[in-house]
Amino acid sequence: MLLIAIFACAFAAPAFSQQTLPAFLVIAKNYKYLKNVGGKEVAVPVQRLQRSAASYDVVNSEYYEEDYESYFISFYIPEGEILAAYDKDGKLIRTAEKYKNVKLPEAVTKAVVTRFPNWSIANDVYMVNYFENTGKTTKTYKLVLKNETKRIRVETNEKGEFS
């Protein structure tokens, strides 16, 4: 019985042909940006918006004109926004980013718990500034901590180092 089932499937299988697909080139123009601003612990909404900014094609957009040297494009989601500057070739040259109440990296939460026991994080703002020409990226977390009726503001980097 088993042989009959296998035999029947072998005869019923459709014929496959080999097709040659056209060649294409993938260009990662803004990979430096994603490498500098990304990381394992960056919140998912932040990653999605940053990927949108990195993959935006200024040259083929409705706003493109050859006369302009740079373009400023804004990207928004409920959790935050990016103001991105592109050069005339579509290369991402700098960003100013601000996100509210996103998931914090483990290093930041551990630093807060260690330095401020009995306090909880009421609000957080994650700010990123990227500069392609210097290769510099700053990542800052501005936190509002609360302990019953008291509130304090603190600032830390992505490593949990307070400023």
N, C-alpha and C. Protein backbone atom coordinates (compact mmCIF):
# COMPACT_ATOMS: atom_id res chain seq x y z
N MET A 1 0.82 -1.19 0.00
CA MET A 1 0.00 0.00 0.00
C MET A 1 0.87 1.25 0.00
N LEU A 2 1.92 1.26 0.82
CA LEU A 2 2.81 2.40 0.88
C LEU A 2 3.50 2.62 -0.46
N LEU A 3 3.92 1.58 -1.12
CA LEU A 3 4.58 1.70 -2.42
C LEU A 3 3.65 2.31 -3.46
N ILE A 4 2.39 1.98 -3.40
CA ILE A 4 1.44 2.51 -4.37
C ILE A 4 1.29 4.03 -4.19
N ALA A 5 1.22 4.50 -2.94
CA ALA A 5 1.07 5.92 -2.68
C ALA A 5 2.27 6.71 -3.18
N ILE A 6 3.46 6.21 -2.92
CA ILE A 6 4.67 6.89 -3.39
C ILE A 6 4.74 6.86 -4.90
N PHE A 7 4.38 5.77 -5.48
CA PHE A 7 4.41 5.60 -6.92
C PHE A 7 3.41 6.56 -7.59
N ALA A 8 2.24 6.72 -6.99
CA ALA A 8 1.22 7.60 -7.54
C ALA A 8 1.68 9.06 -7.48
N CYS A 9 2.34 9.44 -6.37
CA CYS A 9 2.84 10.81 -6.24
C CYS A 9 3.93 11.10 -7.25
N ALA A 10 4.75 10.12 -7.53
CA ALA A 10 5.84 10.32 -8.48
C ALA A 10 5.32 10.62 -9.86
N PHE A 11 4.23 9.98 -10.25
CA PHE A 11 3.67 10.22 -11.58
C PHE A 11 2.84 11.50 -11.64
N ALA A 12 2.31 11.93 -10.51
CA ALA A 12 1.45 13.11 -10.48
C ALA A 12 2.24 14.42 -10.34
N ALA A 13 3.53 14.35 -10.06
CA ALA A 13 4.34 15.55 -9.84
C ALA A 13 4.48 16.34 -11.13
N PRO A 14 4.34 17.67 -11.08
CA PRO A 14 4.48 18.50 -12.28
C PRO A 14 5.94 18.57 -12.74
N ALA A 15 6.14 18.83 -13.99
CA ALA A 15 7.49 18.98 -14.54
C ALA A 15 8.00 20.39 -14.24
N PHE A 16 9.26 20.52 -13.85
CA PHE A 16 9.86 21.81 -13.55
C PHE A 16 10.89 22.15 -14.61
N SER A 17 10.99 23.43 -14.93
CA SER A 17 12.01 23.85 -15.87
C SER A 17 12.90 24.89 -15.19
N GLN A 18 14.11 25.00 -15.67
CA GLN A 18 15.05 25.95 -15.09
C GLN A 18 14.94 27.26 -15.85
N GLN A 19 14.86 28.38 -15.07
CA GLN A 19 14.76 29.69 -15.68
C GLN A 19 15.92 30.55 -15.23
N THR A 20 16.42 31.38 -16.11
CA THR A 20 17.48 32.31 -15.78
C THR A 20 16.84 33.66 -15.46
N LEU A 21 17.14 34.16 -14.26
CA LEU A 21 16.60 35.45 -13.85
C LEU A 21 17.57 36.56 -14.23
N PRO A 22 17.05 37.77 -14.46
CA PRO A 22 17.95 38.88 -14.81
C PRO A 22 18.84 39.26 -13.62
N ALA A 23 20.04 39.70 -13.93
CA ALA A 23 20.98 40.11 -12.88
C ALA A 23 20.58 41.47 -12.34
N PHE A 24 20.86 41.70 -11.06
CA PHE A 24 20.59 43.00 -10.46
C PHE A 24 21.68 43.32 -9.46
N LEU A 25 21.84 44.59 -9.17
CA LEU A 25 22.88 45.07 -8.27
C LEU A 25 22.23 45.70 -7.06
N VAL A 26 22.66 45.30 -5.88
CA VAL A 26 22.16 45.87 -4.65
C VAL A 26 23.21 46.85 -4.12
N ILE A 27 22.80 48.10 -3.88
CA ILE A 27 23.72 49.12 -3.39
C ILE A 27 23.25 49.56 -2.01
N ALA A 28 24.11 49.41 -1.03
CA ALA A 28 23.78 49.83 0.33
C ALA A 28 24.44 51.19 0.56
N LYS A 29 23.80 52.22 0.09
CA LYS A 29 24.37 53.57 0.13
C LYS A 29 24.51 54.09 1.56
N ASN A 30 23.56 53.75 2.42
CA ASN A 30 23.53 54.32 3.76
C ASN A 30 23.82 53.29 4.85
N TYR A 31 24.65 52.32 4.53
CA TYR A 31 24.99 51.27 5.50
C TYR A 31 25.73 51.83 6.72
N LYS A 32 26.54 52.88 6.53
CA LYS A 32 27.28 53.48 7.65
C LYS A 32 26.32 54.02 8.71
N TYR A 33 25.26 54.63 8.25
CA TYR A 33 24.25 55.16 9.16
C TYR A 33 23.66 54.04 10.02
N LEU A 34 23.20 52.99 9.38
CA LEU A 34 22.59 51.87 10.13
C LEU A 34 23.59 51.21 11.07
N LYS A 35 24.83 51.12 10.63
CA LYS A 35 25.86 50.52 11.48
C LYS A 35 26.10 51.37 12.73
N ASN A 36 26.09 52.69 12.58
CA ASN A 36 26.37 53.59 13.70
C ASN A 36 25.20 53.76 14.66
N VAL A 37 23.99 53.79 14.16
CA VAL A 37 22.85 54.05 15.04
C VAL A 37 22.20 52.77 15.56
N GLY A 38 22.46 51.67 14.90
CA GLY A 38 21.80 50.41 15.26
C GLY A 38 22.45 49.71 16.43
N GLY A 39 21.96 48.55 16.70
CA GLY A 39 22.46 47.73 17.79
C GLY A 39 21.42 46.71 18.18
N LYS A 40 21.86 45.73 18.94
CA LYS A 40 20.95 44.65 19.34
C LYS A 40 19.82 45.15 20.23
N GLU A 41 20.10 46.14 21.04
CA GLU A 41 19.12 46.56 22.03
C GLU A 41 18.32 47.80 21.64
N VAL A 42 18.42 48.22 20.41
CA VAL A 42 17.62 49.36 19.96
C VAL A 42 16.18 48.88 19.81
N ALA A 43 15.24 49.66 20.31
CA ALA A 43 13.82 49.29 20.26
C ALA A 43 13.35 49.07 18.82
N VAL A 44 12.44 48.13 18.64
CA VAL A 44 11.96 47.76 17.32
C VAL A 44 11.36 48.94 16.55
N PRO A 45 10.50 49.78 17.14
CA PRO A 45 9.99 50.92 16.36
C PRO A 45 11.10 51.86 15.89
N VAL A 46 12.12 52.03 16.71
CA VAL A 46 13.26 52.87 16.33
C VAL A 46 13.98 52.25 15.14
N GLN A 47 14.23 50.95 15.19
CA GLN A 47 14.91 50.26 14.09
C GLN A 47 14.13 50.42 12.79
N ARG A 48 12.83 50.28 12.85
CA ARG A 48 12.00 50.39 11.64
C ARG A 48 12.08 51.78 11.02
N LEU A 49 12.01 52.80 11.86
CA LEU A 49 12.07 54.16 11.33
C LEU A 49 13.46 54.46 10.78
N GLN A 50 14.50 53.98 11.45
CA GLN A 50 15.86 54.19 10.96
C GLN A 50 16.08 53.48 9.63
N ARG A 51 15.52 52.29 9.47
CA ARG A 51 15.63 51.59 8.18
C ARG A 51 14.90 52.35 7.08
N SER A 52 13.78 52.98 7.43
CA SER A 52 13.06 53.79 6.44
C SER A 52 13.91 54.96 5.98
N ALA A 53 14.56 55.63 6.92
CA ALA A 53 15.42 56.76 6.57
C ALA A 53 16.61 56.30 5.73
N ALA A 54 17.19 55.16 6.08
CA ALA A 54 18.36 54.65 5.35
C ALA A 54 18.00 54.22 3.93
N SER A 55 16.81 53.72 3.73
CA SER A 55 16.44 53.21 2.41
C SER A 55 15.69 54.22 1.55
N TYR A 56 15.45 55.42 2.09
CA TYR A 56 14.73 56.43 1.32
C TYR A 56 15.54 56.84 0.09
N ASP A 57 14.88 56.89 -1.04
CA ASP A 57 15.54 57.22 -2.31
C ASP A 57 15.21 58.65 -2.71
N VAL A 58 16.08 59.58 -2.34
CA VAL A 58 15.86 60.99 -2.64
C VAL A 58 15.88 61.25 -4.13
N VAL A 59 16.81 60.62 -4.83
CA VAL A 59 17.01 60.89 -6.26
C VAL A 59 15.76 60.55 -7.07
N ASN A 60 15.04 59.52 -6.69
CA ASN A 60 13.84 59.13 -7.43
C ASN A 60 12.55 59.62 -6.76
N SER A 61 12.67 60.53 -5.82
CA SER A 61 11.48 61.06 -5.15
C SER A 61 10.90 62.22 -5.96
N GLU A 62 9.68 62.58 -5.62
CA GLU A 62 9.02 63.70 -6.31
C GLU A 62 9.65 65.05 -5.98
N TYR A 63 10.43 65.10 -4.90
CA TYR A 63 11.04 66.36 -4.45
C TYR A 63 12.39 66.64 -5.10
N TYR A 64 12.95 65.68 -5.79
CA TYR A 64 14.32 65.80 -6.31
C TYR A 64 14.40 66.79 -7.47
N GLU A 65 15.38 67.69 -7.37
CA GLU A 65 15.75 68.58 -8.47
C GLU A 65 17.27 68.67 -8.46
N GLU A 66 17.87 68.61 -9.61
CA GLU A 66 19.33 68.59 -9.71
C GLU A 66 20.00 69.85 -9.19
N ASP A 67 19.28 70.94 -9.08
CA ASP A 67 19.85 72.21 -8.64
C ASP A 67 20.19 72.25 -7.15
N TYR A 68 19.53 71.44 -6.34
CA TYR A 68 19.71 71.49 -4.89
C TYR A 68 20.88 70.61 -4.45
N GLU A 69 21.61 71.10 -3.45
CA GLU A 69 22.75 70.37 -2.90
C GLU A 69 22.37 69.41 -1.79
N SER A 70 21.28 69.72 -1.06
CA SER A 70 20.87 68.85 0.04
C SER A 70 19.35 68.87 0.18
N TYR A 71 18.86 67.84 0.84
CA TYR A 71 17.43 67.66 1.04
C TYR A 71 17.18 67.29 2.49
N PHE A 72 16.12 67.83 3.08
CA PHE A 72 15.73 67.52 4.45
C PHE A 72 14.38 66.81 4.40
N ILE A 73 14.37 65.58 4.89
CA ILE A 73 13.17 64.75 4.86
C ILE A 73 12.84 64.32 6.29
N SER A 74 11.57 64.41 6.67
CA SER A 74 11.13 64.01 8.01
C SER A 74 10.40 62.67 7.94
N PHE A 75 10.66 61.84 8.93
CA PHE A 75 10.00 60.54 9.07
C PHE A 75 9.34 60.51 10.44
N TYR A 76 8.09 60.02 10.50
CA TYR A 76 7.34 60.03 11.75
C TYR A 76 6.71 58.67 12.03
N ILE A 77 6.66 58.32 13.29
CA ILE A 77 5.86 57.23 13.83
C ILE A 77 5.32 57.74 15.17
N PRO A 78 4.34 57.07 15.76
CA PRO A 78 3.83 57.56 17.05
C PRO A 78 4.91 57.67 18.14
N GLU A 79 5.92 56.80 18.10
CA GLU A 79 6.95 56.81 19.13
C GLU A 79 8.05 57.84 18.89
N GLY A 80 8.15 58.40 17.68
CA GLY A 80 9.23 59.35 17.45
C GLY A 80 9.32 59.86 16.03
N GLU A 81 10.43 60.55 15.77
CA GLU A 81 10.63 61.16 14.46
C GLU A 81 12.12 61.28 14.13
N ILE A 82 12.39 61.36 12.85
CA ILE A 82 13.74 61.58 12.34
C ILE A 82 13.69 62.74 11.36
N LEU A 83 14.60 63.68 11.52
CA LEU A 83 14.84 64.69 10.50
C LEU A 83 16.16 64.30 9.86
N ALA A 84 16.10 63.90 8.60
CA ALA A 84 17.28 63.38 7.91
C ALA A 84 17.70 64.34 6.80
N ALA A 85 19.02 64.53 6.68
CA ALA A 85 19.58 65.37 5.61
C ALA A 85 20.32 64.46 4.63
N TYR A 86 20.02 64.61 3.36
CA TYR A 86 20.64 63.83 2.29
C TYR A 86 21.38 64.77 1.36
N ASP A 87 22.47 64.29 0.76
CA ASP A 87 23.14 65.11 -0.25
C ASP A 87 22.46 64.90 -1.60
N LYS A 88 22.95 65.54 -2.65
CA LYS A 88 22.30 65.49 -3.97
C LYS A 88 22.36 64.10 -4.60
N ASP A 89 23.24 63.23 -4.09
CA ASP A 89 23.34 61.86 -4.61
C ASP A 89 22.49 60.88 -3.80
N GLY A 90 21.80 61.37 -2.77
CA GLY A 90 20.94 60.51 -1.97
C GLY A 90 21.62 59.88 -0.77
N LYS A 91 22.84 60.32 -0.47
CA LYS A 91 23.57 59.79 0.68
C LYS A 91 23.10 60.49 1.95
N LEU A 92 22.83 59.72 2.98
CA LEU A 92 22.38 60.26 4.26
C LEU A 92 23.58 60.89 4.96
N ILE A 93 23.54 62.21 5.20
CA ILE A 93 24.71 62.89 5.76
C ILE A 93 24.56 63.25 7.23
N ARG A 94 23.31 63.38 7.72
CA ARG A 94 23.12 63.62 9.16
C ARG A 94 21.66 63.42 9.53
N THR A 95 21.46 63.12 10.82
CA THR A 95 20.10 62.98 11.32
C THR A 95 19.98 63.62 12.70
N ALA A 96 18.78 64.00 13.02
CA ALA A 96 18.40 64.40 14.38
C ALA A 96 17.17 63.57 14.68
N GLU A 97 17.25 62.74 15.72
CA GLU A 97 16.18 61.78 16.02
C GLU A 97 15.71 61.94 17.46
N LYS A 98 14.42 61.74 17.66
CA LYS A 98 13.85 61.83 19.00
C LYS A 98 12.72 60.82 19.12
N TYR A 99 12.80 60.00 20.18
CA TYR A 99 11.81 58.96 20.42
C TYR A 99 11.35 59.05 21.87
N LYS A 100 10.07 58.80 22.11
CA LYS A 100 9.53 58.89 23.47
C LYS A 100 9.05 57.53 23.95
N ASN A 101 9.41 57.22 25.19
CA ASN A 101 8.94 56.03 25.89
C ASN A 101 9.12 54.75 25.09
N VAL A 102 10.34 54.55 24.60
CA VAL A 102 10.69 53.30 23.93
C VAL A 102 11.41 52.38 24.92
N LYS A 103 11.53 51.13 24.54
CA LYS A 103 12.20 50.16 25.40
C LYS A 103 13.66 50.58 25.58
N LEU A 104 14.12 50.61 26.83
CA LEU A 104 15.49 51.04 27.13
C LEU A 104 16.45 49.87 27.08
N PRO A 105 17.71 50.12 26.73
CA PRO A 105 18.72 49.06 26.78
C PRO A 105 18.92 48.57 28.21
N GLU A 106 19.33 47.35 28.34
CA GLU A 106 19.54 46.75 29.66
C GLU A 106 20.57 47.53 30.47
N ALA A 107 21.62 48.03 29.82
CA ALA A 107 22.66 48.79 30.54
C ALA A 107 22.08 50.04 31.19
N VAL A 108 21.14 50.69 30.53
CA VAL A 108 20.53 51.91 31.07
C VAL A 108 19.64 51.57 32.27
N THR A 109 18.80 50.56 32.13
CA THR A 109 17.92 50.20 33.24
C THR A 109 18.70 49.71 34.45
N LYS A 110 19.77 48.94 34.21
CA LYS A 110 20.61 48.48 35.33
C LYS A 110 21.28 49.65 36.04
N ALA A 111 21.76 50.61 35.26
CA ALA A 111 22.43 51.77 35.85
C ALA A 111 21.46 52.58 36.71
N VAL A 112 20.23 52.73 36.24
CA VAL A 112 19.23 53.48 37.01
C VAL A 112 18.89 52.74 38.30
N VAL A 113 18.68 51.44 38.22
CA VAL A 113 18.34 50.65 39.42
C VAL A 113 19.48 50.68 40.43
N THR A 114 20.71 50.61 39.95
CA THR A 114 21.88 50.63 40.84
C THR A 114 22.05 51.98 41.51
N ARG A 115 21.98 53.04 40.74
CA ARG A 115 22.24 54.38 41.29
C ARG A 115 21.04 54.97 42.02
N PHE A 116 19.83 54.60 41.60
CA PHE A 116 18.62 55.16 42.19
C PHE A 116 17.67 54.05 42.65
N PRO A 117 18.05 53.31 43.70
CA PRO A 117 17.14 52.27 44.18
C PRO A 117 15.85 52.91 44.71
N ASN A 118 14.77 52.20 44.60
CA ASN A 118 13.44 52.67 45.03
C ASN A 118 12.86 53.75 44.12
N TRP A 119 13.49 54.02 42.99
CA TRP A 119 12.96 54.96 42.02
C TRP A 119 12.52 54.16 40.79
N SER A 120 11.54 54.68 40.08
CA SER A 120 11.11 54.03 38.84
C SER A 120 11.16 55.05 37.69
N ILE A 121 11.24 54.55 36.49
CA ILE A 121 11.30 55.41 35.32
C ILE A 121 9.89 55.78 34.91
N ALA A 122 9.56 57.06 34.98
CA ALA A 122 8.22 57.54 34.62
C ALA A 122 8.12 57.83 33.12
N ASN A 123 9.13 58.45 32.56
CA ASN A 123 9.18 58.80 31.13
C ASN A 123 10.61 58.70 30.65
N ASP A 124 10.74 58.44 29.35
CA ASP A 124 12.07 58.48 28.76
C ASP A 124 12.01 59.08 27.37
N VAL A 125 13.10 59.76 27.01
CA VAL A 125 13.27 60.32 25.68
C VAL A 125 14.63 59.84 25.19
N TYR A 126 14.64 59.20 24.01
CA TYR A 126 15.87 58.70 23.40
C TYR A 126 16.20 59.63 22.24
N MET A 127 17.42 60.22 22.27
CA MET A 127 17.83 61.15 21.22
C MET A 127 19.09 60.63 20.54
N VAL A 128 19.08 60.71 19.21
CA VAL A 128 20.22 60.26 18.41
C VAL A 128 20.59 61.38 17.45
N ASN A 129 21.88 61.64 17.35
CA ASN A 129 22.41 62.58 16.35
C ASN A 129 23.52 61.87 15.60
N TYR A 130 23.38 61.81 14.28
CA TYR A 130 24.34 61.13 13.42
C TYR A 130 24.95 62.14 12.46
N PHE A 131 26.29 62.09 12.33
CA PHE A 131 27.02 62.96 11.39
C PHE A 131 27.94 62.08 10.55
N GLU A 132 27.62 61.96 9.27
CA GLU A 132 28.38 61.08 8.38
C GLU A 132 29.80 61.58 8.17
N ASN A 133 30.00 62.89 8.03
CA ASN A 133 31.33 63.43 7.70
C ASN A 133 32.35 63.21 8.82
N THR A 134 31.91 63.21 10.08
CA THR A 134 32.84 62.97 11.19
C THR A 134 32.77 61.52 11.69
N GLY A 135 31.73 60.80 11.27
CA GLY A 135 31.55 59.44 11.76
C GLY A 135 31.07 59.40 13.21
N LYS A 136 30.61 60.54 13.71
CA LYS A 136 30.22 60.64 15.11
C LYS A 136 28.71 60.44 15.26
N THR A 137 28.35 59.63 16.26
CA THR A 137 26.96 59.41 16.60
C THR A 137 26.81 59.56 18.10
N THR A 138 25.86 60.37 18.54
CA THR A 138 25.58 60.49 19.97
C THR A 138 24.21 59.90 20.24
N LYS A 139 24.14 59.12 21.31
CA LYS A 139 22.89 58.50 21.74
C LYS A 139 22.68 58.88 23.20
N THR A 140 21.59 59.55 23.49
CA THR A 140 21.33 60.05 24.83
C THR A 140 19.93 59.63 25.28
N TYR A 141 19.85 59.23 26.54
CA TYR A 141 18.56 58.91 27.15
C TYR A 141 18.29 59.93 28.24
N LYS A 142 17.20 60.67 28.11
CA LYS A 142 16.78 61.62 29.13
C LYS A 142 15.61 60.97 29.85
N LEU A 143 15.79 60.76 31.17
CA LEU A 143 14.82 60.00 31.95
C LEU A 143 14.21 60.86 33.05
N VAL A 144 12.94 60.64 33.31
CA VAL A 144 12.28 61.23 34.47
C VAL A 144 12.03 60.07 35.42
N LEU A 145 12.62 60.19 36.62
CA LEU A 145 12.47 59.15 37.64
C LEU A 145 11.50 59.64 38.70
N LYS A 146 10.73 58.70 39.26
CA LYS A 146 9.81 59.10 40.32
C LYS A 146 9.93 58.15 41.50
N ASN A 147 9.71 58.73 42.68
CA ASN A 147 9.70 57.99 43.94
C ASN A 147 8.59 58.62 44.77
N GLU A 148 7.43 57.98 44.75
CA GLU A 148 6.20 58.50 45.36
C GLU A 148 5.88 59.86 44.73
N THR A 149 5.99 60.95 45.48
CA THR A 149 5.64 62.27 44.93
C THR A 149 6.85 63.02 44.38
N LYS A 150 8.04 62.49 44.57
CA LYS A 150 9.26 63.16 44.11
C LYS A 150 9.56 62.76 42.67
N ARG A 151 10.13 63.70 41.92
CA ARG A 151 10.56 63.45 40.54
C ARG A 151 11.92 64.08 40.32
N ILE A 152 12.77 63.37 39.58
CA ILE A 152 14.07 63.93 39.19
C ILE A 152 14.32 63.60 37.73
N ARG A 153 15.18 64.40 37.12
CA ARG A 153 15.57 64.18 35.72
C ARG A 153 17.03 63.77 35.69
N VAL A 154 17.33 62.72 34.92
CA VAL A 154 18.70 62.27 34.74
C VAL A 154 18.95 62.03 33.26
N GLU A 155 20.23 61.99 32.90
CA GLU A 155 20.62 61.77 31.51
C GLU A 155 21.73 60.74 31.48
N THR A 156 21.64 59.82 30.53
CA THR A 156 22.63 58.76 30.39
C THR A 156 22.87 58.46 28.91
N ASN A 157 23.99 57.82 28.63
CA ASN A 157 24.24 57.37 27.27
C ASN A 157 23.77 55.92 27.15
N GLU A 158 23.98 55.30 26.00
CA GLU A 158 23.49 53.94 25.77
C GLU A 158 24.21 52.89 26.61
N LYS A 159 25.34 53.26 27.20
CA LYS A 159 26.09 52.34 28.08
C LYS A 159 25.67 52.46 29.53
N GLY A 160 24.79 53.40 29.84
CA GLY A 160 24.33 53.60 31.20
C GLY A 160 25.22 54.51 32.01
N GLU A 161 26.06 55.30 31.35
CA GLU A 161 26.94 56.24 32.03
C GLU A 161 26.21 57.57 32.18
N PHE A 162 26.09 58.05 33.40
CA PHE A 162 25.36 59.28 33.66
C PHE A 162 26.22 60.50 33.33
N SER A 163 25.56 61.56 32.85
CA SER A 163 26.30 62.80 32.53
C SER A 163 26.03 63.87 33.54
